[in-house]
Amino acid sequence: MDTKEQVRAFVTSNFYVADPAALEDGASLLDRGIIDSTGVLEVIFFIEDTFGLKVEDSEMLPDNLDSIERISNFIALKKS
């Protein structure tokens, strides 16, 4: 399973997503009400636990954590 698939599986199994198949990778998770501030923390814990990465306070931004695509790209950047 690649990173994007892992992120999608986490989001759709841990948060309410009415139609997981219709959720686009670039869709804002915050704007659609899928995650809130507590949900962002859950995503951070998922990244740290699953990928062994440390998410710094300065990296806790919508640019890194607001969509499946952004989360996947952030993980890829941190792993490189």
PDB file of N, CA and C in Angstrom:
ATOM      1  N   MET A   1       0.849  -1.177   0.000  1.00  0.00           N
ATOM      2  CA  MET A   1       0.000   0.000   0.000  1.00  0.00           C
ATOM      3  C   MET A   1       0.894   1.240   0.000  1.00  0.00           C
ATOM      4  N   ASP A   2       0.669   2.145  -0.940  1.00  0.00           N
ATOM      5  CA  ASP A   2       1.506   3.344  -0.979  1.00  0.00           C
ATOM      6  C   ASP A   2       1.012   4.369   0.041  1.00  0.00           C
ATOM      7  N   THR A   3       1.763   5.432   0.204  1.00  0.00           N
ATOM      8  CA  THR A   3       1.481   6.428   1.235  1.00  0.00           C
ATOM      9  C   THR A   3       0.094   7.029   1.058  1.00  0.00           C
ATOM     10  N   LYS A   4      -0.258   7.415  -0.154  1.00  0.00           N
ATOM     11  CA  LYS A   4      -1.555   8.047  -0.386  1.00  0.00           C
ATOM     12  C   LYS A   4      -2.692   7.093  -0.025  1.00  0.00           C
ATOM     13  N   GLU A   5      -2.543   5.822  -0.346  1.00  0.00           N
ATOM     14  CA  GLU A   5      -3.565   4.830   0.006  1.00  0.00           C
ATOM     15  C   GLU A   5      -3.664   4.668   1.525  1.00  0.00           C
ATOM     16  N   GLN A   6      -2.530   4.700   2.214  1.00  0.00           N
ATOM     17  CA  GLN A   6      -2.537   4.596   3.674  1.00  0.00           C
ATOM     18  C   GLN A   6      -3.242   5.807   4.299  1.00  0.00           C
ATOM     19  N   VAL A   7      -2.952   6.984   3.779  1.00  0.00           N
ATOM     20  CA  VAL A   7      -3.579   8.203   4.295  1.00  0.00           C
ATOM     21  C   VAL A   7      -5.085   8.155   4.041  1.00  0.00           C
ATOM     22  N   ARG A   8      -5.479   7.781   2.827  1.00  0.00           N
ATOM     23  CA  ARG A   8      -6.905   7.688   2.489  1.00  0.00           C
ATOM     24  C   ARG A   8      -7.602   6.683   3.411  1.00  0.00           C
ATOM     25  N   ALA A   9      -6.995   5.535   3.620  1.00  0.00           N
ATOM     26  CA  ALA A   9      -7.584   4.516   4.490  1.00  0.00           C
ATOM     27  C   ALA A   9      -7.747   5.042   5.916  1.00  0.00           C
ATOM     28  N   PHE A  10      -6.745   5.757   6.408  1.00  0.00           N
ATOM     29  CA  PHE A  10      -6.833   6.327   7.750  1.00  0.00           C
ATOM     30  C   PHE A  10      -7.969   7.338   7.845  1.00  0.00           C
ATOM     31  N   VAL A  11      -8.010   8.266   6.898  1.00  0.00           N
ATOM     32  CA  VAL A  11      -9.032   9.326   6.930  1.00  0.00           C
ATOM     33  C   VAL A  11     -10.433   8.738   6.835  1.00  0.00           C
ATOM     34  N   THR A  12     -10.637   7.834   5.900  1.00  0.00           N
ATOM     35  CA  THR A  12     -11.995   7.315   5.690  1.00  0.00           C
ATOM     36  C   THR A  12     -12.432   6.341   6.781  1.00  0.00           C
ATOM     37  N   SER A  13     -11.497   5.758   7.524  1.00  0.00           N
ATOM     38  CA  SER A  13     -11.894   4.840   8.593  1.00  0.00           C
ATOM     39  C   SER A  13     -11.966   5.515   9.958  1.00  0.00           C
ATOM     40  N   ASN A  14     -11.329   6.679  10.110  1.00  0.00           N
ATOM     41  CA  ASN A  14     -11.311   7.351  11.409  1.00  0.00           C
ATOM     42  C   ASN A  14     -12.193   8.598  11.490  1.00  0.00           C
ATOM     43  N   PHE A  15     -12.647   9.086  10.355  1.00  0.00           N
ATOM     44  CA  PHE A  15     -13.493  10.273  10.314  1.00  0.00           C
ATOM     45  C   PHE A  15     -14.710   9.976   9.449  1.00  0.00           C
ATOM     46  N   TYR A  16     -15.799  10.704   9.704  1.00  0.00           N
ATOM     47  CA  TYR A  16     -17.004  10.482   8.910  1.00  0.00           C
ATOM     48  C   TYR A  16     -16.819  11.069   7.512  1.00  0.00           C
ATOM     49  N   VAL A  17     -16.870  10.210   6.524  1.00  0.00           N
ATOM     50  CA  VAL A  17     -16.821  10.612   5.118  1.00  0.00           C
ATOM     51  C   VAL A  17     -18.038   9.962   4.466  1.00  0.00           C
ATOM     52  N   ALA A  18     -19.011  10.791   4.067  1.00  0.00           N
ATOM     53  CA  ALA A  18     -20.281  10.278   3.543  1.00  0.00           C
ATOM     54  C   ALA A  18     -20.071   9.302   2.396  1.00  0.00           C
ATOM     55  N   ASP A  19     -19.223   9.677   1.447  1.00  0.00           N
ATOM     56  CA  ASP A  19     -18.962   8.822   0.288  1.00  0.00           C
ATOM     57  C   ASP A  19     -17.452   8.775   0.050  1.00  0.00           C
ATOM     58  N   PRO A  20     -16.758   7.829   0.678  1.00  0.00           N
ATOM     59  CA  PRO A  20     -15.296   7.765   0.549  1.00  0.00           C
ATOM     60  C   PRO A  20     -14.810   7.718  -0.897  1.00  0.00           C
ATOM     61  N   ALA A  21     -15.550   7.063  -1.781  1.00  0.00           N
ATOM     62  CA  ALA A  21     -15.129   6.957  -3.178  1.00  0.00           C
ATOM     63  C   ALA A  21     -15.172   8.316  -3.886  1.00  0.00           C
ATOM     64  N   ALA A  22     -16.020   9.217  -3.398  1.00  0.00           N
ATOM     65  CA  ALA A  22     -16.154  10.526  -4.034  1.00  0.00           C
ATOM     66  C   ALA A  22     -15.189  11.562  -3.462  1.00  0.00           C
ATOM     67  N   LEU A  23     -14.486  11.217  -2.405  1.00  0.00           N
ATOM     68  CA  LEU A  23     -13.542  12.158  -1.793  1.00  0.00           C
ATOM     69  C   LEU A  23     -12.292  12.258  -2.658  1.00  0.00           C
ATOM     70  N   GLU A  24     -12.106  13.422  -3.251  1.00  0.00           N
ATOM     71  CA  GLU A  24     -10.941  13.653  -4.112  1.00  0.00           C
ATOM     72  C   GLU A  24      -9.700  13.849  -3.254  1.00  0.00           C
ATOM     73  N   ASP A  25      -8.553  13.432  -3.770  1.00  0.00           N
ATOM     74  CA  ASP A  25      -7.295  13.543  -3.025  1.00  0.00           C
ATOM     75  C   ASP A  25      -6.972  14.993  -2.660  1.00  0.00           C
ATOM     76  N   GLY A  26      -7.367  15.933  -3.499  1.00  0.00           N
ATOM     77  CA  GLY A  26      -7.044  17.341  -3.252  1.00  0.00           C
ATOM     78  C   GLY A  26      -8.103  18.102  -2.484  1.00  0.00           C
ATOM     79  N   ALA A  27      -9.194  17.453  -2.102  1.00  0.00           N
ATOM     80  CA  ALA A  27     -10.290  18.130  -1.396  1.00  0.00           C
ATOM     81  C   ALA A  27      -9.864  18.520   0.014  1.00  0.00           C
ATOM     82  N   SER A  28     -10.250  19.734   0.421  1.00  0.00           N
ATOM     83  CA  SER A  28      -9.917  20.219   1.761  1.00  0.00           C
ATOM     84  C   SER A  28     -10.712  19.449   2.815  1.00  0.00           C
ATOM     85  N   LEU A  29      -9.996  18.790   3.698  1.00  0.00           N
ATOM     86  CA  LEU A  29     -10.635  18.036   4.770  1.00  0.00           C
ATOM     87  C   LEU A  29     -11.242  18.963   5.814  1.00  0.00           C
ATOM     88  N   LEU A  30     -10.630  20.119   6.005  1.00  0.00           N
ATOM     89  CA  LEU A  30     -11.145  21.105   6.954  1.00  0.00           C
ATOM     90  C   LEU A  30     -12.398  21.778   6.405  1.00  0.00           C
ATOM     91  N   ASP A  31     -12.348  22.251   5.178  1.00  0.00           N
ATOM     92  CA  ASP A  31     -13.491  22.946   4.578  1.00  0.00           C
ATOM     93  C   ASP A  31     -14.713  22.048   4.457  1.00  0.00           C
ATOM     94  N   ARG A  32     -14.498  20.768   4.236  1.00  0.00           N
ATOM     95  CA  ARG A  32     -15.614  19.824   4.106  1.00  0.00           C
ATOM     96  C   ARG A  32     -16.101  19.312   5.455  1.00  0.00           C
ATOM     97  N   GLY A  33     -15.464  19.746   6.533  1.00  0.00           N
ATOM     98  CA  GLY A  33     -15.895  19.350   7.867  1.00  0.00           C
ATOM     99  C   GLY A  33     -15.552  17.911   8.224  1.00  0.00           C
ATOM    100  N   ILE A  34     -14.624  17.326   7.483  1.00  0.00           N
ATOM    101  CA  ILE A  34     -14.231  15.939   7.758  1.00  0.00           C
ATOM    102  C   ILE A  34     -13.335  15.894   8.986  1.00  0.00           C
ATOM    103  N   ILE A  35     -12.417  16.848   9.090  1.00  0.00           N
ATOM    104  CA  ILE A  35     -11.589  16.945  10.289  1.00  0.00           C
ATOM    105  C   ILE A  35     -11.714  18.342  10.872  1.00  0.00           C
ATOM    106  N   ASP A  36     -11.493  18.433  12.180  1.00  0.00           N
ATOM    107  CA  ASP A  36     -11.448  19.708  12.875  1.00  0.00           C
ATOM    108  C   ASP A  36     -10.084  19.791  13.570  1.00  0.00           C
ATOM    109  N   SER A  37      -9.940  20.697  14.503  1.00  0.00           N
ATOM    110  CA  SER A  37      -8.624  20.857  15.146  1.00  0.00           C
ATOM    111  C   SER A  37      -8.194  19.591  15.882  1.00  0.00           C
ATOM    112  N   THR A  38      -9.125  18.899  16.493  1.00  0.00           N
ATOM    113  CA  THR A  38      -8.805  17.633  17.152  1.00  0.00           C
ATOM    114  C   THR A  38      -8.423  16.584  16.112  1.00  0.00           C
ATOM    115  N   GLY A  39      -9.114  16.593  14.992  1.00  0.00           N
ATOM    116  CA  GLY A  39      -8.806  15.672  13.907  1.00  0.00           C
ATOM    117  C   GLY A  39      -7.413  15.893  13.353  1.00  0.00           C
ATOM    118  N   VAL A  40      -6.986  17.149  13.294  1.00  0.00           N
ATOM    119  CA  VAL A  40      -5.626  17.448  12.829  1.00  0.00           C
ATOM    120  C   VAL A  40      -4.613  16.772  13.748  1.00  0.00           C
ATOM    121  N   LEU A  41      -4.872  16.813  15.041  1.00  0.00           N
ATOM    122  CA  LEU A  41      -3.967  16.146  15.986  1.00  0.00           C
ATOM    123  C   LEU A  41      -3.952  14.641  15.752  1.00  0.00           C
ATOM    124  N   GLU A  42      -5.100  14.059  15.461  1.00  0.00           N
ATOM    125  CA  GLU A  42      -5.160  12.628  15.160  1.00  0.00           C
ATOM    126  C   GLU A  42      -4.342  12.304  13.905  1.00  0.00           C
ATOM    127  N   VAL A  43      -4.426  13.176  12.898  1.00  0.00           N
ATOM    128  CA  VAL A  43      -3.643  12.976  11.673  1.00  0.00           C
ATOM    129  C   VAL A  43      -2.149  13.043  11.996  1.00  0.00           C
ATOM    130  N   ILE A  44      -1.769  13.977  12.844  1.00  0.00           N
ATOM    131  CA  ILE A  44      -0.360  14.110  13.231  1.00  0.00           C
ATOM    132  C   ILE A  44       0.112  12.850  13.959  1.00  0.00           C
ATOM    133  N   PHE A  45      -0.697  12.351  14.884  1.00  0.00           N
ATOM    134  CA  PHE A  45      -0.324  11.117  15.591  1.00  0.00           C
ATOM    135  C   PHE A  45      -0.206   9.956  14.612  1.00  0.00           C
ATOM    136  N   PHE A  46      -1.106   9.897  13.645  1.00  0.00           N
ATOM    137  CA  PHE A  46      -1.051   8.856  12.613  1.00  0.00           C
ATOM    138  C   PHE A  46       0.266   8.939  11.838  1.00  0.00           C
ATOM    139  N   ILE A  47       0.648  10.129  11.417  1.00  0.00           N
ATOM    140  CA  ILE A  47       1.899  10.318  10.667  1.00  0.00           C
ATOM    141  C   ILE A  47       3.091   9.873  11.507  1.00  0.00           C
ATOM    142  N   GLU A  48       3.110  10.313  12.753  1.00  0.00           N
ATOM    143  CA  GLU A  48       4.249   9.988  13.611  1.00  0.00           C
ATOM    144  C   GLU A  48       4.318   8.496  13.924  1.00  0.00           C
ATOM    145  N   ASP A  49       3.190   7.889  14.222  1.00  0.00           N
ATOM    146  CA  ASP A  49       3.172   6.465  14.572  1.00  0.00           C
ATOM    147  C   ASP A  49       3.404   5.561  13.369  1.00  0.00           C
ATOM    148  N   THR A  50       2.771   5.875  12.259  1.00  0.00           N
ATOM    149  CA  THR A  50       2.829   5.006  11.084  1.00  0.00           C
ATOM    150  C   THR A  50       4.139   5.117  10.331  1.00  0.00           C
ATOM    151  N   PHE A  51       4.643   6.338  10.215  1.00  0.00           N
ATOM    152  CA  PHE A  51       5.819   6.574   9.375  1.00  0.00           C
ATOM    153  C   PHE A  51       7.081   6.896  10.170  1.00  0.00           C
ATOM    154  N   GLY A  52       6.969   6.960  11.496  1.00  0.00           N
ATOM    155  CA  GLY A  52       8.131   7.218  12.330  1.00  0.00           C
ATOM    156  C   GLY A  52       8.725   8.599  12.128  1.00  0.00           C
ATOM    157  N   LEU A  53       7.866   9.565  11.798  1.00  0.00           N
ATOM    158  CA  LEU A  53       8.319  10.933  11.547  1.00  0.00           C
ATOM    159  C   LEU A  53       7.895  11.836  12.690  1.00  0.00           C
ATOM    160  N   LYS A  54       8.639  12.884  12.920  1.00  0.00           N
ATOM    161  CA  LYS A  54       8.288  13.886  13.921  1.00  0.00           C
ATOM    162  C   LYS A  54       7.714  15.094  13.201  1.00  0.00           C
ATOM    163  N   VAL A  55       6.477  15.477  13.540  1.00  0.00           N
ATOM    164  CA  VAL A  55       5.855  16.661  12.968  1.00  0.00           C
ATOM    165  C   VAL A  55       6.119  17.814  13.927  1.00  0.00           C
ATOM    166  N   GLU A  56       6.884  18.775  13.459  1.00  0.00           N
ATOM    167  CA  GLU A  56       7.242  19.937  14.280  1.00  0.00           C
ATOM    168  C   GLU A  56       6.053  20.895  14.376  1.00  0.00           C
ATOM    169  N   ASP A  57       6.035  21.707  15.431  1.00  0.00           N
ATOM    170  CA  ASP A  57       4.954  22.684  15.604  1.00  0.00           C
ATOM    171  C   ASP A  57       4.828  23.593  14.385  1.00  0.00           C
ATOM    172  N   SER A  58       5.951  23.986  13.831  1.00  0.00           N
ATOM    173  CA  SER A  58       5.952  24.896  12.679  1.00  0.00           C
ATOM    174  C   SER A  58       5.410  24.237  11.407  1.00  0.00           C
ATOM    175  N   GLU A  59       5.275  22.912  11.409  1.00  0.00           N
ATOM    176  CA  GLU A  59       4.778  22.180  10.243  1.00  0.00           C
ATOM    177  C   GLU A  59       3.287  21.865  10.337  1.00  0.00           C
ATOM    178  N   MET A  60       2.669  22.212  11.458  1.00  0.00           N
ATOM    179  CA  MET A  60       1.246  21.926  11.670  1.00  0.00           C
ATOM    180  C   MET A  60       0.398  22.987  10.989  1.00  0.00           C
ATOM    181  N   LEU A  61       0.416  22.957   9.666  1.00  0.00           N
ATOM    182  CA  LEU A  61      -0.254  23.958   8.841  1.00  0.00           C
ATOM    183  C   LEU A  61      -1.193  23.289   7.852  1.00  0.00           C
ATOM    184  N   PRO A  62      -2.261  24.003   7.456  1.00  0.00           N
ATOM    185  CA  PRO A  62      -3.143  23.454   6.419  1.00  0.00           C
ATOM    186  C   PRO A  62      -2.395  23.093   5.138  1.00  0.00           C
ATOM    187  N   ASP A  63      -1.339  23.825   4.818  1.00  0.00           N
ATOM    188  CA  ASP A  63      -0.561  23.513   3.610  1.00  0.00           C
ATOM    189  C   ASP A  63      -0.005  22.091   3.654  1.00  0.00           C
ATOM    190  N   ASN A  64       0.193  21.555   4.845  1.00  0.00           N
ATOM    191  CA  ASN A  64       0.743  20.208   4.994  1.00  0.00           C
ATOM    192  C   ASN A  64      -0.314  19.160   5.318  1.00  0.00           C
ATOM    193  N   LEU A  65      -1.443  19.571   5.899  1.00  0.00           N
ATOM    194  CA  LEU A  65      -2.340  18.601   6.519  1.00  0.00           C
ATOM    195  C   LEU A  65      -3.814  18.730   6.120  1.00  0.00           C
ATOM    196  N   ASP A  66      -4.120  19.466   5.060  1.00  0.00           N
ATOM    197  CA  ASP A  66      -5.524  19.764   4.755  1.00  0.00           C
ATOM    198  C   ASP A  66      -6.170  18.876   3.694  1.00  0.00           C
ATOM    199  N   SER A  67      -5.451  17.951   3.139  1.00  0.00           N
ATOM    200  CA  SER A  67      -6.055  17.043   2.152  1.00  0.00           C
ATOM    201  C   SER A  67      -5.228  15.756   2.114  1.00  0.00           C
ATOM    202  N   ILE A  68      -5.801  14.748   1.527  1.00  0.00           N
ATOM    203  CA  ILE A  68      -5.076  13.483   1.387  1.00  0.00           C
ATOM    204  C   ILE A  68      -3.796  13.717   0.591  1.00  0.00           C
ATOM    205  N   GLU A  69      -3.904  14.488  -0.456  1.00  0.00           N
ATOM    206  CA  GLU A  69      -2.747  14.779  -1.303  1.00  0.00           C
ATOM    207  C   GLU A  69      -1.677  15.556  -0.536  1.00  0.00           C
ATOM    208  N   ARG A  70      -2.081  16.586   0.213  1.00  0.00           N
ATOM    209  CA  ARG A  70      -1.105  17.388   0.964  1.00  0.00           C
ATOM    210  C   ARG A  70      -0.432  16.572   2.065  1.00  0.00           C
ATOM    211  N   ILE A  71      -1.208  15.743   2.742  1.00  0.00           N
ATOM    212  CA  ILE A  71      -0.631  14.898   3.788  1.00  0.00           C
ATOM    213  C   ILE A  71       0.381  13.929   3.177  1.00  0.00           C
ATOM    214  N   SER A  72       0.015  13.314   2.053  1.00  0.00           N
ATOM    215  CA  SER A  72       0.914  12.366   1.376  1.00  0.00           C
ATOM    216  C   SER A  72       2.194  13.057   0.913  1.00  0.00           C
ATOM    217  N   ASN A  73       2.059  14.251   0.351  1.00  0.00           N
ATOM    218  CA  ASN A  73       3.235  15.001  -0.112  1.00  0.00           C
ATOM    219  C   ASN A  73       4.114  15.406   1.065  1.00  0.00           C
ATOM    220  N   PHE A  74       3.486  15.804   2.175  1.00  0.00           N
ATOM    221  CA  PHE A  74       4.234  16.173   3.375  1.00  0.00           C
ATOM    222  C   PHE A  74       5.038  14.994   3.901  1.00  0.00           C
ATOM    223  N   ILE A  75       4.406  13.826   3.943  1.00  0.00           N
ATOM    224  CA  ILE A  75       5.102  12.613   4.406  1.00  0.00           C
ATOM    225  C   ILE A  75       6.282  12.301   3.491  1.00  0.00           C
ATOM    226  N   ALA A  76       6.058  12.367   2.180  1.00  0.00           N
ATOM    227  CA  ALA A  76       7.125  12.087   1.220  1.00  0.00           C
ATOM    228  C   ALA A  76       8.291  13.049   1.407  1.00  0.00           C
ATOM    229  N   LEU A  77       7.997  14.329   1.623  1.00  0.00           N
ATOM    230  CA  LEU A  77       9.036  15.336   1.837  1.00  0.00           C
ATOM    231  C   LEU A  77       9.810  15.055   3.118  1.00  0.00           C
ATOM    232  N   LYS A  78       9.102  14.696   4.182  1.00  0.00           N
ATOM    233  CA  LYS A  78       9.762  14.410   5.455  1.00  0.00           C
ATOM    234  C   LYS A  78      10.628  13.148   5.367  1.00  0.00           C
ATOM    235  N   LYS A  79      10.211  12.184   4.570  1.00  0.00           N
ATOM    236  CA  LYS A  79      10.974  10.945   4.456  1.00  0.00           C
ATOM    237  C   LYS A  79      12.230  11.105   3.596  1.00  0.00           C
ATOM    238  N   SER A  80      12.250  12.130   2.751  1.00  0.00           N
ATOM    239  CA  SER A  80      13.405  12.290   1.846  1.00  0.00           C
ATOM    240  C   SER A  80      14.570  13.003   2.509  1.00  0.00           C
TER     241      SER A  80
END
